[in-house]
Amino acid sequence: MEDFEASSVNLMDQLPVAERTDSNLAETLKKYELSFLMPMLAIRQEMSSQLASTSDPAAFQKWIEGNVDAK
């Protein structure tokens, strides 16, 4: 993992120009089981989805506590 982080590979550049969005990148990484390469991207996408589905801060906090590692 450290080798990947130290490399100059930009995963977004691997998508077609018209499809270069965080959402498309997250979907592609998930499809090929590579989400571990950018774990914060997957978490950010899921958090956005959770925020869109509820306006209850307590429900969002409960989701965070159950799905996001404290580290």
N, C-alpha and C. Protein backbone atom coordinates (compact mmCIF):
# COMPACT_ATOMS: atom_id res chain seq x y z
N MET A 1 0.82 -1.19 0.00
CA MET A 1 0.00 0.00 0.00
C MET A 1 0.87 1.27 0.00
N GLU A 2 1.95 1.24 0.78
CA GLU A 2 2.82 2.41 0.83
C GLU A 2 3.43 2.70 -0.54
N ASP A 3 3.75 1.63 -1.28
CA ASP A 3 4.32 1.82 -2.62
C ASP A 3 3.32 2.53 -3.53
N PHE A 4 2.04 2.16 -3.41
CA PHE A 4 1.02 2.82 -4.23
C PHE A 4 0.91 4.29 -3.84
N GLU A 5 0.86 4.56 -2.55
CA GLU A 5 0.72 5.94 -2.08
C GLU A 5 1.93 6.79 -2.49
N ALA A 6 3.09 6.17 -2.55
CA ALA A 6 4.31 6.90 -2.93
C ALA A 6 4.43 7.08 -4.44
N SER A 7 3.66 6.33 -5.20
CA SER A 7 3.74 6.43 -6.66
C SER A 7 3.05 7.69 -7.15
N SER A 8 3.25 7.97 -8.40
CA SER A 8 2.61 9.16 -8.98
C SER A 8 1.38 8.79 -9.80
N VAL A 9 0.81 7.62 -9.53
CA VAL A 9 -0.38 7.17 -10.25
C VAL A 9 -1.59 7.95 -9.76
N ASN A 10 -2.29 8.57 -10.67
CA ASN A 10 -3.53 9.27 -10.35
C ASN A 10 -4.67 8.43 -10.92
N LEU A 11 -5.43 7.79 -10.03
CA LEU A 11 -6.49 6.89 -10.49
C LEU A 11 -7.56 7.63 -11.27
N MET A 12 -7.82 8.87 -10.94
CA MET A 12 -8.83 9.64 -11.67
C MET A 12 -8.45 9.75 -13.14
N ASP A 13 -7.17 9.86 -13.42
CA ASP A 13 -6.70 9.97 -14.81
C ASP A 13 -6.93 8.69 -15.61
N GLN A 14 -7.24 7.59 -14.94
CA GLN A 14 -7.46 6.33 -15.63
C GLN A 14 -8.88 6.21 -16.19
N LEU A 15 -9.75 7.11 -15.77
CA LEU A 15 -11.12 7.12 -16.29
C LEU A 15 -11.20 7.97 -17.54
N PRO A 16 -12.18 7.69 -18.41
CA PRO A 16 -12.39 8.57 -19.57
C PRO A 16 -12.67 10.00 -19.08
N VAL A 17 -12.25 10.97 -19.81
CA VAL A 17 -12.35 12.38 -19.40
C VAL A 17 -13.77 12.75 -18.98
N ALA A 18 -14.76 12.31 -19.73
CA ALA A 18 -16.15 12.66 -19.44
C ALA A 18 -16.68 11.99 -18.18
N GLU A 19 -15.97 11.01 -17.65
CA GLU A 19 -16.44 10.25 -16.49
C GLU A 19 -15.59 10.49 -15.24
N ARG A 20 -14.77 11.51 -15.24
CA ARG A 20 -13.86 11.77 -14.12
C ARG A 20 -14.57 12.50 -12.98
N THR A 21 -15.29 11.72 -12.19
CA THR A 21 -15.93 12.25 -10.99
C THR A 21 -15.61 11.31 -9.84
N ASP A 22 -15.70 11.82 -8.63
CA ASP A 22 -15.46 10.97 -7.47
C ASP A 22 -16.41 9.79 -7.45
N SER A 23 -17.65 10.04 -7.81
CA SER A 23 -18.67 8.99 -7.81
C SER A 23 -18.31 7.87 -8.78
N ASN A 24 -17.92 8.23 -9.99
CA ASN A 24 -17.55 7.22 -10.99
C ASN A 24 -16.29 6.46 -10.58
N LEU A 25 -15.34 7.16 -10.01
CA LEU A 25 -14.12 6.50 -9.56
C LEU A 25 -14.44 5.52 -8.43
N ALA A 26 -15.28 5.95 -7.48
CA ALA A 26 -15.65 5.07 -6.38
C ALA A 26 -16.37 3.82 -6.90
N GLU A 27 -17.27 3.99 -7.85
CA GLU A 27 -17.98 2.85 -8.44
C GLU A 27 -17.02 1.89 -9.14
N THR A 28 -16.08 2.44 -9.88
CA THR A 28 -15.11 1.61 -10.61
C THR A 28 -14.22 0.84 -9.64
N LEU A 29 -13.73 1.51 -8.62
CA LEU A 29 -12.90 0.84 -7.63
C LEU A 29 -13.68 -0.26 -6.92
N LYS A 30 -14.93 0.01 -6.59
CA LYS A 30 -15.76 -1.00 -5.94
C LYS A 30 -15.99 -2.19 -6.86
N LYS A 31 -16.27 -1.92 -8.13
CA LYS A 31 -16.53 -2.98 -9.11
C LYS A 31 -15.36 -3.95 -9.19
N TYR A 32 -14.16 -3.45 -9.15
CA TYR A 32 -12.97 -4.29 -9.28
C TYR A 32 -12.34 -4.63 -7.92
N GLU A 33 -13.10 -4.38 -6.84
CA GLU A 33 -12.65 -4.67 -5.48
C GLU A 33 -11.32 -4.00 -5.15
N LEU A 34 -11.21 -2.75 -5.55
CA LEU A 34 -9.99 -1.97 -5.31
C LEU A 34 -10.24 -0.75 -4.41
N SER A 35 -11.37 -0.72 -3.74
CA SER A 35 -11.71 0.42 -2.89
C SER A 35 -10.65 0.68 -1.82
N PHE A 36 -9.91 -0.37 -1.45
CA PHE A 36 -8.87 -0.20 -0.43
C PHE A 36 -7.78 0.77 -0.89
N LEU A 37 -7.67 1.01 -2.19
CA LEU A 37 -6.65 1.94 -2.68
C LEU A 37 -6.98 3.39 -2.30
N MET A 38 -8.26 3.68 -2.16
CA MET A 38 -8.69 5.03 -1.77
C MET A 38 -9.85 4.89 -0.78
N PRO A 39 -9.56 4.42 0.42
CA PRO A 39 -10.65 4.16 1.38
C PRO A 39 -11.46 5.39 1.75
N MET A 40 -10.83 6.53 1.81
CA MET A 40 -11.57 7.74 2.18
C MET A 40 -12.58 8.13 1.10
N LEU A 41 -12.30 7.82 -0.14
CA LEU A 41 -13.23 8.12 -1.23
C LEU A 41 -14.51 7.32 -1.03
N ALA A 42 -14.38 6.04 -0.73
CA ALA A 42 -15.55 5.18 -0.51
C ALA A 42 -16.35 5.67 0.70
N ILE A 43 -15.66 6.02 1.78
CA ILE A 43 -16.33 6.51 2.97
C ILE A 43 -17.05 7.83 2.67
N ARG A 44 -16.39 8.72 1.96
CA ARG A 44 -17.00 10.02 1.62
C ARG A 44 -18.26 9.84 0.78
N GLN A 45 -18.21 8.90 -0.18
CA GLN A 45 -19.38 8.64 -1.01
C GLN A 45 -20.54 8.08 -0.18
N GLU A 46 -20.22 7.16 0.70
CA GLU A 46 -21.26 6.56 1.55
C GLU A 46 -21.83 7.59 2.52
N MET A 47 -20.97 8.45 3.05
CA MET A 47 -21.45 9.49 3.96
C MET A 47 -22.38 10.45 3.23
N SER A 48 -22.05 10.80 2.03
CA SER A 48 -22.92 11.68 1.23
C SER A 48 -24.28 11.02 1.01
N SER A 49 -24.26 9.74 0.73
CA SER A 49 -25.50 8.99 0.53
C SER A 49 -26.34 8.98 1.81
N GLN A 50 -25.68 8.76 2.93
CA GLN A 50 -26.39 8.76 4.21
C GLN A 50 -26.99 10.12 4.53
N LEU A 51 -26.24 11.17 4.27
CA LEU A 51 -26.75 12.53 4.51
C LEU A 51 -27.94 12.85 3.62
N ALA A 52 -27.91 12.35 2.40
CA ALA A 52 -29.01 12.61 1.48
C ALA A 52 -30.27 11.84 1.87
N SER A 53 -30.09 10.70 2.55
CA SER A 53 -31.23 9.86 2.87
C SER A 53 -31.93 10.24 4.18
N THR A 54 -31.27 11.01 5.04
CA THR A 54 -31.89 11.40 6.31
C THR A 54 -31.41 12.78 6.74
N SER A 55 -32.28 13.48 7.43
CA SER A 55 -31.88 14.78 7.97
C SER A 55 -31.72 14.71 9.49
N ASP A 56 -31.77 13.49 10.03
CA ASP A 56 -31.64 13.29 11.47
C ASP A 56 -30.18 13.14 11.86
N PRO A 57 -29.63 14.12 12.57
CA PRO A 57 -28.21 14.05 12.96
C PRO A 57 -27.90 12.82 13.82
N ALA A 58 -28.83 12.40 14.66
CA ALA A 58 -28.59 11.24 15.52
C ALA A 58 -28.45 9.97 14.69
N ALA A 59 -29.26 9.83 13.64
CA ALA A 59 -29.17 8.66 12.76
C ALA A 59 -27.83 8.66 12.02
N PHE A 60 -27.40 9.84 11.59
CA PHE A 60 -26.12 9.94 10.89
C PHE A 60 -24.97 9.59 11.84
N GLN A 61 -25.02 10.09 13.06
CA GLN A 61 -23.98 9.77 14.04
C GLN A 61 -23.95 8.28 14.32
N LYS A 62 -25.12 7.66 14.44
CA LYS A 62 -25.18 6.21 14.68
C LYS A 62 -24.56 5.45 13.51
N TRP A 63 -24.84 5.90 12.28
CA TRP A 63 -24.25 5.27 11.10
C TRP A 63 -22.72 5.39 11.15
N ILE A 64 -22.22 6.57 11.48
CA ILE A 64 -20.77 6.79 11.55
C ILE A 64 -20.15 5.85 12.57
N GLU A 65 -20.73 5.78 13.76
CA GLU A 65 -20.19 4.94 14.82
C GLU A 65 -20.18 3.47 14.43
N GLY A 66 -21.15 3.05 13.62
CA GLY A 66 -21.23 1.65 13.20
C GLY A 66 -20.42 1.30 11.97
N ASN A 67 -19.98 2.31 11.20
CA ASN A 67 -19.35 2.02 9.90
C ASN A 67 -17.98 2.63 9.69
N VAL A 68 -17.59 3.59 10.48
CA VAL A 68 -16.31 4.27 10.25
C VAL A 68 -15.37 3.97 11.41
N ASP A 69 -14.21 3.44 11.08
CA ASP A 69 -13.20 3.13 12.08
C ASP A 69 -12.75 4.41 12.76
N ALA A 70 -12.61 4.38 14.05
CA ALA A 70 -12.21 5.56 14.81
C ALA A 70 -10.86 6.13 14.37
N LYS A 71 -10.00 5.28 13.83
CA LYS A 71 -8.69 5.75 13.37
C LYS A 71 -8.85 6.56 12.12
